[in-house]
C-alpha atoms as a PDB file:
ATOM      1  CA  UNK A   1     111.625  86.402 142.649  1.00  0.00           C
ATOM      2  CA  UNK A   2     110.442  89.018 145.146  1.00  0.00           C
ATOM      3  CA  UNK A   3     112.301  92.196 144.285  1.00  0.00           C
ATOM      4  CA  UNK A   4     112.639  95.060 146.803  1.00  0.00           C
ATOM      5  CA  UNK A   5     110.288  97.458 144.935  1.00  0.00           C
ATOM      6  CA  UNK A   6     107.551  94.792 144.995  1.00  0.00           C
ATOM      7  CA  UNK A   7     108.073  94.184 148.705  1.00  0.00           C
ATOM      8  CA  UNK A   8     107.947  97.924 149.340  1.00  0.00           C
ATOM      9  CA  UNK A   9     104.746  98.367 147.336  1.00  0.00           C
ATOM     10  CA  UNK A  10     103.023  95.404 149.013  1.00  0.00           C
ATOM     11  CA  UNK A  11     104.036  96.756 152.432  1.00  0.00           C
ATOM     12  CA  UNK A  12     102.731 100.214 151.523  1.00  0.00           C
ATOM     13  CA  UNK A  13      99.341  98.842 150.464  1.00  0.00           C
ATOM     14  CA  UNK A  14      98.970  96.804 153.662  1.00  0.00           C
ATOM     15  CA  UNK A  15     100.093  99.690 155.878  1.00  0.00           C
ATOM     16  CA  UNK A  16      97.476 101.878 154.175  1.00  0.00           C
ATOM     17  CA  UNK A  17      94.773  99.284 154.868  1.00  0.00           C
ATOM     18  CA  UNK A  18      95.869  98.945 158.505  1.00  0.00           C
ATOM     19  CA  UNK A  19      96.030 102.712 159.041  1.00  0.00           C
ATOM     20  CA  UNK A  20      92.608 103.213 157.406  1.00  0.00           C
ATOM     21  CA  UNK A  21      90.870 100.171 158.848  1.00  0.00           C
ATOM     22  CA  UNK A  22      87.625 102.023 159.536  1.00  0.00           C
ATOM     23  CA  UNK A  23      87.219 102.869 155.856  1.00  0.00           C
ATOM     24  CA  UNK A  24      88.140  99.408 154.592  1.00  0.00           C
ATOM     25  CA  UNK A  25      86.785  96.959 157.142  1.00  0.00           C
ATOM     26  CA  UNK A  26      84.087  94.845 155.620  1.00  0.00           C
ATOM     27  CA  UNK A  27      83.974  91.067 156.237  1.00  0.00           C
ATOM     28  CA  UNK A  28      83.221  90.351 152.582  1.00  0.00           C
ATOM     29  CA  UNK A  29      86.133  92.510 151.408  1.00  0.00           C
ATOM     30  CA  UNK A  30      88.423  90.905 153.998  1.00  0.00           C
ATOM     31  CA  UNK A  31      87.511  87.388 152.775  1.00  0.00           C
ATOM     32  CA  UNK A  32      88.319  88.411 149.195  1.00  0.00           C
ATOM     33  CA  UNK A  33      91.575  90.012 150.343  1.00  0.00           C
ATOM     34  CA  UNK A  34      92.513  86.834 152.235  1.00  0.00           C
ATOM     35  CA  UNK A  35      92.749  84.873 148.967  1.00  0.00           C
ATOM     36  CA  UNK A  36      95.518  87.128 147.627  1.00  0.00           C
ATOM     37  CA  UNK A  37      99.225  86.563 148.232  1.00  0.00           C
ATOM     38  CA  UNK A  38     100.029  90.137 149.193  1.00  0.00           C
ATOM     39  CA  UNK A  39     101.742  89.905 152.588  1.00  0.00           C
ATOM     40  CA  UNK A  40     105.540  90.278 152.349  1.00  0.00           C
ATOM     41  CA  UNK A  41     107.141  88.237 155.121  1.00  0.00           C
ATOM     42  CA  UNK A  42     110.133  86.103 156.014  1.00  0.00           C
ATOM     43  CA  UNK A  43     109.300  82.424 155.649  1.00  0.00           C
ATOM     44  CA  UNK A  44     110.959  79.517 157.472  1.00  0.00           C
ATOM     45  CA  UNK A  45     113.593  77.515 155.566  1.00  0.00           C
ATOM     46  CA  UNK A  46     111.943  74.839 153.432  1.00  0.00           C
ATOM     47  CA  UNK A  47     108.467  76.375 153.786  1.00  0.00           C
ATOM     48  CA  UNK A  48     106.198  76.260 150.760  1.00  0.00           C
ATOM     49  CA  UNK A  49     102.748  77.704 150.265  1.00  0.00           C
ATOM     50  CA  UNK A  50     101.549  74.483 148.686  1.00  0.00           C
ATOM     51  CA  UNK A  51     102.450  72.585 151.875  1.00  0.00           C
ATOM     52  CA  UNK A  52     101.335  75.271 154.322  1.00  0.00           C
ATOM     53  CA  UNK A  53     100.226  73.818 157.633  1.00  0.00           C
ATOM     54  CA  UNK A  54      97.677  76.576 158.206  1.00  0.00           C
ATOM     55  CA  UNK A  55      95.953  76.835 154.867  1.00  0.00           C
ATOM     56  CA  UNK A  56      92.954  74.598 154.398  1.00  0.00           C
ATOM     57  CA  UNK A  57      92.319  75.772 150.842  1.00  0.00           C
ATOM     58  CA  UNK A  58      95.735  75.284 149.271  1.00  0.00           C
ATOM     59  CA  UNK A  59      95.844  76.607 145.745  1.00  0.00           C
ATOM     60  CA  UNK A  60      92.607  78.551 146.040  1.00  0.00           C
ATOM     61  CA  UNK A  61      94.189  81.742 144.772  1.00  0.00           C
ATOM     62  CA  UNK A  62      96.052  79.987 141.979  1.00  0.00           C
ATOM     63  CA  UNK A  63      99.715  80.191 141.097  1.00  0.00           C
ATOM     64  CA  UNK A  64     102.727  80.089 143.352  1.00  0.00           C
ATOM     65  CA  UNK A  65     103.920  82.899 145.556  1.00  0.00           C
ATOM     66  CA  UNK A  66     106.908  85.033 144.710  1.00  0.00           C
ATOM     67  CA  UNK A  67     110.007  84.621 146.816  1.00  0.00           C
ATOM     68  CA  UNK A  68     113.692  85.418 147.052  1.00  0.00           C
ATOM     69  CA  UNK A  69     116.515  84.514 149.409  1.00  0.00           C
ATOM     70  CA  UNK A  70     118.173  87.048 151.615  1.00  0.00           C
ATOM     71  CA  UNK A  71     121.751  86.801 152.793  1.00  0.00           C
ATOM     72  CA  UNK A  72     120.748  85.346 156.174  1.00  0.00           C
ATOM     73  CA  UNK A  73     119.339  82.149 154.681  1.00  0.00           C
ATOM     74  CA  UNK A  74     115.738  83.162 155.266  1.00  0.00           C
ATOM     75  CA  UNK A  75     113.397  83.663 152.356  1.00  0.00           C
ATOM     76  CA  UNK A  76     111.211  86.639 151.648  1.00  0.00           C
ATOM     77  CA  UNK A  77     107.856  85.764 150.077  1.00  0.00           C
ATOM     78  CA  UNK A  78     104.391  87.092 149.401  1.00  0.00           C
ATOM     79  CA  UNK A  79     101.916  84.951 151.335  1.00  0.00           C
ATOM     80  CA  UNK A  80      98.192  84.926 152.065  1.00  0.00           C
ATOM     81  CA  UNK A  81      97.036  86.015 155.493  1.00  0.00           C
ATOM     82  CA  UNK A  82      95.729  82.471 156.072  1.00  0.00           C
ATOM     83  CA  UNK A  83      99.248  81.078 155.492  1.00  0.00           C
ATOM     84  CA  UNK A  84     100.745  83.215 158.276  1.00  0.00           C
ATOM     85  CA  UNK A  85     100.351  83.699 161.990  1.00  0.00           C
ATOM     86  CA  UNK A  86      99.813  86.863 163.972  1.00  0.00           C
ATOM     87  CA  UNK A  87     102.865  88.380 165.672  1.00  0.00           C
ATOM     88  CA  UNK A  88     101.669  87.488 169.173  1.00  0.00           C
ATOM     89  CA  UNK A  89     101.841  83.761 168.269  1.00  0.00           C
ATOM     90  CA  UNK A  90     105.307  83.875 166.678  1.00  0.00           C
ATOM     91  CA  UNK A  91     106.932  82.043 169.600  1.00  0.00           C
ATOM     92  CA  UNK A  92     104.638  79.054 168.961  1.00  0.00           C
ATOM     93  CA  UNK A  93     105.304  78.548 165.236  1.00  0.00           C
ATOM     94  CA  UNK A  94     108.245  80.590 163.917  1.00  0.00           C
ATOM     95  CA  UNK A  95     110.094  77.582 162.449  1.00  0.00           C
ATOM     96  CA  UNK A  96     107.102  76.243 160.531  1.00  0.00           C
ATOM     97  CA  UNK A  97     104.867  79.180 159.543  1.00  0.00           C
ATOM     98  CA  UNK A  98     105.550  82.715 158.271  1.00  0.00           C
ATOM     99  CA  UNK A  99     104.945  85.363 160.922  1.00  0.00           C
ATOM    100  CA  UNK A 100     103.220  88.591 159.930  1.00  0.00           C
ATOM    101  CA  UNK A 101     105.460  91.613 160.490  1.00  0.00           C
ATOM    102  CA  UNK A 102     103.994  93.562 163.417  1.00  0.00           C
ATOM    103  CA  UNK A 103     103.712  96.765 161.390  1.00  0.00           C
ATOM    104  CA  UNK A 104     101.607  94.948 158.753  1.00  0.00           C
ATOM    105  CA  UNK A 105      99.339  93.034 161.109  1.00  0.00           C
ATOM    106  CA  UNK A 106      95.679  93.898 160.516  1.00  0.00           C
ATOM    107  CA  UNK A 107      93.398  94.934 163.377  1.00  0.00           C
ATOM    108  CA  UNK A 108      92.209  92.002 165.478  1.00  0.00           C
ATOM    109  CA  UNK A 109      88.598  92.489 164.372  1.00  0.00           C
ATOM    110  CA  UNK A 110      89.683  91.455 160.844  1.00  0.00           C
ATOM    111  CA  UNK A 111      91.627  88.313 161.795  1.00  0.00           C
ATOM    112  CA  UNK A 112      88.873  85.749 161.343  1.00  0.00           C
ATOM    113  CA  UNK A 113      87.679  87.316 158.069  1.00  0.00           C
ATOM    114  CA  UNK A 114      91.263  87.203 156.759  1.00  0.00           C
ATOM    115  CA  UNK A 115      91.735  83.579 157.810  1.00  0.00           C
ATOM    116  CA  UNK A 116      94.190  84.300 160.641  1.00  0.00           C
ATOM    117  CA  UNK A 117      93.956  81.707 163.403  1.00  0.00           C
ATOM    118  CA  UNK A 118      94.961  82.440 166.978  1.00  0.00           C
ATOM    119  CA  UNK A 119      96.099  80.487 168.766  1.00  0.00           C
ATOM    120  CA  UNK A 120      97.548  78.398 165.956  1.00  0.00           C
ATOM    121  CA  UNK A 121      96.192  74.863 165.548  1.00  0.00           C
ATOM    122  CA  UNK A 122      97.828  72.201 167.721  1.00  0.00           C
ATOM    123  CA  UNK A 123      99.388  70.304 164.752  1.00  0.00           C
ATOM    124  CA  UNK A 124     101.220  73.501 163.721  1.00  0.00           C
ATOM    125  CA  UNK A 125     102.581  74.051 167.246  1.00  0.00           C
ATOM    126  CA  UNK A 126     103.657  70.403 167.460  1.00  0.00           C
ATOM    127  CA  UNK A 127     105.388  70.662 164.065  1.00  0.00           C
ATOM    128  CA  UNK A 128     107.284  73.686 165.414  1.00  0.00           C
ATOM    129  CA  UNK A 129     108.365  71.791 168.526  1.00  0.00           C
ATOM    130  CA  UNK A 130     109.421  68.810 166.412  1.00  0.00           C
ATOM    131  CA  UNK A 131     111.450  71.111 164.172  1.00  0.00           C
ATOM    132  CA  UNK A 132     113.173  72.614 167.219  1.00  0.00           C
ATOM    133  CA  UNK A 133     113.996  69.164 168.567  1.00  0.00           C
ATOM    134  CA  UNK A 134     115.298  67.800 165.262  1.00  0.00           C
ATOM    135  CA  UNK A 135     117.391  70.809 164.329  1.00  0.00           C
ATOM    136  CA  UNK A 136     118.760  71.357 167.825  1.00  0.00           C
ATOM    137  CA  UNK A 137     120.961  74.235 168.828  1.00  0.00           C
ATOM    138  CA  UNK A 138     121.086  75.815 165.362  1.00  0.00           C
ATOM    139  CA  UNK A 139     117.437  76.856 165.729  1.00  0.00           C
ATOM    140  CA  UNK A 140     117.409  77.355 169.478  1.00  0.00           C
ATOM    141  CA  UNK A 141     120.092  80.022 169.075  1.00  0.00           C
ATOM    142  CA  UNK A 142     117.612  81.945 166.865  1.00  0.00           C
ATOM    143  CA  UNK A 143     114.699  81.548 169.315  1.00  0.00           C
ATOM    144  CA  UNK A 144     113.086  84.966 169.764  1.00  0.00           C
ATOM    145  CA  UNK A 145     114.163  86.302 173.197  1.00  0.00           C
ATOM    146  CA  UNK A 146     110.611  87.423 174.017  1.00  0.00           C
ATOM    147  CA  UNK A 147     109.509  83.783 173.740  1.00  0.00           C
ATOM    148  CA  UNK A 148     111.299  83.077 177.019  1.00  0.00           C
ATOM    149  CA  UNK A 149     109.029  85.407 179.003  1.00  0.00           C
ATOM    150  CA  UNK A 150     106.681  83.544 181.372  1.00  0.00           C
ATOM    151  CA  UNK A 151     103.400  84.555 179.606  1.00  0.00           C
ATOM    152  CA  UNK A 152     104.546  82.911 176.374  1.00  0.00           C
ATOM    153  CA  UNK A 153     105.722  79.776 178.162  1.00  0.00           C
ATOM    154  CA  UNK A 154     102.282  79.466 179.737  1.00  0.00           C
ATOM    155  CA  UNK A 155     100.690  79.901 176.299  1.00  0.00           C
ATOM    156  CA  UNK A 156     102.667  76.932 174.979  1.00  0.00           C
ATOM    157  CA  UNK A 157     101.632  74.863 177.979  1.00  0.00           C
ATOM    158  CA  UNK A 158      98.003  75.946 177.518  1.00  0.00           C
ATOM    159  CA  UNK A 159      97.943  74.833 173.896  1.00  0.00           C
ATOM    160  CA  UNK A 160      99.586  71.507 174.643  1.00  0.00           C
END
């Protein structure tokens, strides 16, 4: 169970790394960091790290992630960077993949070393669209408003 002090500490560590990127950026260090489940984020209902659509090395870091439910039905969990998507791609995958909180997103130069993929792979985007179609209005009502802006719509069309 992910308790608030743990979430706070994990967020503090990641904020420190983001704010001091010049001191900590090293591709080797980033690859080692990518194997750890240290990113506190909201995960989609029914999501599991073992069945993550993004991770190609499921189980590489051993053990399951910690998680807890919040009152809104979403789940808070510690995930690996490679199990999440960057905030700019949230409109393409938010029902199927955890989205990194914007304030914890690492600098773009670290994304590939951390295993972050942008844009997300086509199967992940298609799984998101399928989820939206199957769950109907219940999910569409939660669609992020910024996803309706024309640039994001063109991104979806570009990936498809």
